[in-house]
Amino acid sequence: MTNATKPDSWLVWLAPISLNTVLGGVGVLPLAFVWMFLAQYPLAALGLTQRDPTDNDGILPWLILLGGVGLFFVLWAVVNKVTCRVTRLPNRRYWPLSVIVSLVPFVFFAVFPDAWKAWS
């Protein structure tokens, strides 16, 4: 085993960091759908947010969208599981890092919404 393939080598971590940054960029839209659904239904029912008064389609379109979002999360998990096995990185460090790196683009665009307009 060379130095670059040892689990403690920093070069091995470049693959999951790069992969999850790209998946996080793609995942901005599915995560936005999840947030909009939560704000429209469960959080509004608890009184934490207000529903959009023009949302009169019911819950079926949201369930269809969330089905697609579920497929994205399944794809994310499968790709990360394969990457974790190929790189032979320890699970205890790999999965928290993958989740955090995947959420960075969403949090960035949530905090700086004007960056989304400049990017798209």
C-alpha atoms as a PDB file:
ATOM      1  CA  MET A   1       0.000   0.000   0.000  1.00  0.00           C
ATOM      2  CA  THR A   2       1.500   3.318  -1.031  1.00  0.00           C
ATOM      3  CA  ASN A   3       1.338   6.473   1.049  1.00  0.00           C
ATOM      4  CA  ALA A   4      -1.451   7.923  -1.122  1.00  0.00           C
ATOM      5  CA  THR A   5      -3.782   4.953  -0.496  1.00  0.00           C
ATOM      6  CA  LYS A   6      -3.396   4.715   3.273  1.00  0.00           C
ATOM      7  CA  PRO A   7      -6.583   5.755   5.093  1.00  0.00           C
ATOM      8  CA  ASP A   8      -4.681   8.390   7.067  1.00  0.00           C
ATOM      9  CA  SER A   9      -3.308  10.107   3.972  1.00  0.00           C
ATOM     10  CA  TRP A  10      -4.893  13.461   3.172  1.00  0.00           C
ATOM     11  CA  LEU A  11      -4.894  12.634  -0.565  1.00  0.00           C
ATOM     12  CA  VAL A  12      -7.439   9.843  -0.026  1.00  0.00           C
ATOM     13  CA  TRP A  13      -9.857  12.397   1.437  1.00  0.00           C
ATOM     14  CA  LEU A  14      -9.836  14.461  -1.779  1.00  0.00           C
ATOM     15  CA  ALA A  15     -12.161  12.000  -3.565  1.00  0.00           C
ATOM     16  CA  PRO A  16     -15.023  12.104  -1.026  1.00  0.00           C
ATOM     17  CA  ILE A  17     -14.644  15.853  -0.460  1.00  0.00           C
ATOM     18  CA  SER A  18     -14.766  16.563  -4.199  1.00  0.00           C
ATOM     19  CA  LEU A  19     -17.601  14.110  -4.786  1.00  0.00           C
ATOM     20  CA  ASN A  20     -19.735  15.470  -1.958  1.00  0.00           C
ATOM     21  CA  THR A  21     -19.113  19.064  -2.965  1.00  0.00           C
ATOM     22  CA  VAL A  22     -20.472  18.260  -6.436  1.00  0.00           C
ATOM     23  CA  LEU A  23     -23.386  16.259  -5.008  1.00  0.00           C
ATOM     24  CA  GLY A  24     -24.082  19.114  -2.606  1.00  0.00           C
ATOM     25  CA  GLY A  25     -24.206  21.559  -5.492  1.00  0.00           C
ATOM     26  CA  VAL A  26     -26.675  19.330  -7.309  1.00  0.00           C
ATOM     27  CA  GLY A  27     -28.536  18.751  -4.050  1.00  0.00           C
ATOM     28  CA  VAL A  28     -29.341  22.423  -3.492  1.00  0.00           C
ATOM     29  CA  LEU A  29     -32.595  22.063  -5.422  1.00  0.00           C
ATOM     30  CA  PRO A  30     -33.823  18.876  -3.670  1.00  0.00           C
ATOM     31  CA  LEU A  31     -32.978  20.360  -0.264  1.00  0.00           C
ATOM     32  CA  ALA A  32     -34.835  23.545  -1.192  1.00  0.00           C
ATOM     33  CA  PHE A  33     -37.891  21.428  -2.064  1.00  0.00           C
ATOM     34  CA  VAL A  34     -37.671  19.707   1.318  1.00  0.00           C
ATOM     35  CA  TRP A  35     -37.447  23.072   3.092  1.00  0.00           C
ATOM     36  CA  MET A  36     -40.415  24.488   1.138  1.00  0.00           C
ATOM     37  CA  PHE A  37     -42.509  21.404   1.941  1.00  0.00           C
ATOM     38  CA  LEU A  38     -41.630  21.598   5.635  1.00  0.00           C
ATOM     39  CA  ALA A  39     -42.450  25.311   5.738  1.00  0.00           C
ATOM     40  CA  GLN A  40     -45.795  24.814   3.957  1.00  0.00           C
ATOM     41  CA  TYR A  41     -47.166  21.852   5.881  1.00  0.00           C
ATOM     42  CA  PRO A  42     -45.709  20.532   9.168  1.00  0.00           C
ATOM     43  CA  LEU A  43     -44.095  23.769  10.372  1.00  0.00           C
ATOM     44  CA  ALA A  44     -47.155  25.798   9.359  1.00  0.00           C
ATOM     45  CA  ALA A  45     -49.391  23.368  11.240  1.00  0.00           C
ATOM     46  CA  LEU A  46     -47.262  23.945  14.339  1.00  0.00           C
ATOM     47  CA  GLY A  47     -47.550  27.708  13.853  1.00  0.00           C
ATOM     48  CA  LEU A  48     -43.834  28.203  13.210  1.00  0.00           C
ATOM     49  CA  THR A  49     -44.317  29.426   9.619  1.00  0.00           C
ATOM     50  CA  GLN A  50     -47.182  30.678   7.490  1.00  0.00           C
ATOM     51  CA  ARG A  51     -48.538  28.831   4.472  1.00  0.00           C
ATOM     52  CA  ASP A  52     -48.414  30.427   1.058  1.00  0.00           C
ATOM     53  CA  PRO A  53     -51.977  31.618   0.353  1.00  0.00           C
ATOM     54  CA  THR A  54     -51.616  30.770  -3.356  1.00  0.00           C
ATOM     55  CA  ASP A  55     -50.768  27.119  -2.644  1.00  0.00           C
ATOM     56  CA  ASN A  56     -54.076  25.473  -3.460  1.00  0.00           C
ATOM     57  CA  ASP A  57     -52.896  22.347  -5.284  1.00  0.00           C
ATOM     58  CA  GLY A  58     -52.990  20.169  -2.209  1.00  0.00           C
ATOM     59  CA  ILE A  59     -50.291  17.840  -1.050  1.00  0.00           C
ATOM     60  CA  LEU A  60     -50.064  15.491  -4.069  1.00  0.00           C
ATOM     61  CA  PRO A  61     -47.619  17.633  -6.104  1.00  0.00           C
ATOM     62  CA  TRP A  62     -45.423  17.877  -3.031  1.00  0.00           C
ATOM     63  CA  LEU A  63     -45.443  14.120  -2.581  1.00  0.00           C
ATOM     64  CA  ILE A  64     -44.403  13.686  -6.210  1.00  0.00           C
ATOM     65  CA  LEU A  65     -41.553  16.175  -5.760  1.00  0.00           C
ATOM     66  CA  LEU A  66     -40.472  14.533  -2.520  1.00  0.00           C
ATOM     67  CA  GLY A  67     -40.389  11.177  -4.322  1.00  0.00           C
ATOM     68  CA  GLY A  68     -37.786  12.631  -6.677  1.00  0.00           C
ATOM     69  CA  VAL A  69     -35.949  14.096  -3.715  1.00  0.00           C
ATOM     70  CA  GLY A  70     -35.960  10.643  -2.119  1.00  0.00           C
ATOM     71  CA  LEU A  71     -34.361   9.213  -5.259  1.00  0.00           C
ATOM     72  CA  PHE A  72     -31.633  11.850  -5.025  1.00  0.00           C
ATOM     73  CA  PHE A  73     -30.914  10.905  -1.403  1.00  0.00           C
ATOM     74  CA  VAL A  74     -30.784   7.205  -2.304  1.00  0.00           C
ATOM     75  CA  LEU A  75     -28.348   8.009  -5.126  1.00  0.00           C
ATOM     76  CA  TRP A  76     -26.265  10.118  -2.717  1.00  0.00           C
ATOM     77  CA  ALA A  77     -26.121   7.259  -0.197  1.00  0.00           C
ATOM     78  CA  VAL A  78     -25.196   4.609  -2.786  1.00  0.00           C
ATOM     79  CA  VAL A  79     -22.464   6.748  -4.353  1.00  0.00           C
ATOM     80  CA  ASN A  80     -21.035   7.530  -0.923  1.00  0.00           C
ATOM     81  CA  LYS A  81     -21.157   3.894   0.192  1.00  0.00           C
ATOM     82  CA  VAL A  82     -19.198   2.854  -2.908  1.00  0.00           C
ATOM     83  CA  THR A  83     -16.706   5.683  -2.424  1.00  0.00           C
ATOM     84  CA  CYS A  84     -16.254   4.770   1.230  1.00  0.00           C
ATOM     85  CA  ARG A  85     -15.504   1.165   0.337  1.00  0.00           C
ATOM     86  CA  VAL A  86     -13.161   2.025  -2.540  1.00  0.00           C
ATOM     87  CA  THR A  87     -11.141   4.524  -0.520  1.00  0.00           C
ATOM     88  CA  ARG A  88     -11.207   2.281   2.600  1.00  0.00           C
ATOM     89  CA  LEU A  89     -11.700   5.287   4.853  1.00  0.00           C
ATOM     90  CA  PRO A  90     -13.050   4.795   8.385  1.00  0.00           C
ATOM     91  CA  ASN A  91     -16.845   5.088   8.586  1.00  0.00           C
ATOM     92  CA  ARG A  92     -16.745   7.141  11.787  1.00  0.00           C
ATOM     93  CA  ARG A  93     -14.965   9.982   9.977  1.00  0.00           C
ATOM     94  CA  TYR A  94     -16.263   9.457   6.431  1.00  0.00           C
ATOM     95  CA  TRP A  95     -20.028   9.797   6.948  1.00  0.00           C
ATOM     96  CA  PRO A  96     -20.071  12.953   9.127  1.00  0.00           C
ATOM     97  CA  LEU A  97     -17.627  14.616   6.733  1.00  0.00           C
ATOM     98  CA  SER A  98     -19.769  13.599   3.735  1.00  0.00           C
ATOM     99  CA  VAL A  99     -22.937  15.038   5.251  1.00  0.00           C
ATOM    100  CA  ILE A 100     -21.259  18.299   6.270  1.00  0.00           C
ATOM    101  CA  VAL A 101     -19.539  18.810   2.913  1.00  0.00           C
ATOM    102  CA  SER A 102     -22.770  17.984   1.056  1.00  0.00           C
ATOM    103  CA  LEU A 103     -24.695  20.592   3.058  1.00  0.00           C
ATOM    104  CA  VAL A 104     -22.148  23.388   2.569  1.00  0.00           C
ATOM    105  CA  PRO A 105     -23.521  24.579  -0.829  1.00  0.00           C
ATOM    106  CA  PHE A 106     -27.112  24.617   0.477  1.00  0.00           C
ATOM    107  CA  VAL A 107     -26.158  26.562   3.596  1.00  0.00           C
ATOM    108  CA  PHE A 108     -24.032  28.944   1.531  1.00  0.00           C
ATOM    109  CA  PHE A 109     -26.910  29.752  -0.844  1.00  0.00           C
ATOM    110  CA  ALA A 110     -29.362  30.012   2.070  1.00  0.00           C
ATOM    111  CA  VAL A 111     -27.144  32.543   3.832  1.00  0.00           C
ATOM    112  CA  PHE A 112     -26.192  34.411   0.635  1.00  0.00           C
ATOM    113  CA  PRO A 113     -29.239  34.214  -1.684  1.00  0.00           C
ATOM    114  CA  ASP A 114     -27.774  36.844  -4.022  1.00  0.00           C
ATOM    115  CA  ALA A 115     -24.957  34.417  -4.806  1.00  0.00           C
ATOM    116  CA  TRP A 116     -27.567  32.055  -6.286  1.00  0.00           C
ATOM    117  CA  LYS A 117     -28.697  34.793  -8.686  1.00  0.00           C
ATOM    118  CA  ALA A 118     -25.114  35.547  -9.669  1.00  0.00           C
ATOM    119  CA  TRP A 119     -24.335  31.836 -10.150  1.00  0.00           C
ATOM    120  CA  SER A 120     -27.415  30.964 -12.226  1.00  0.00           C
END
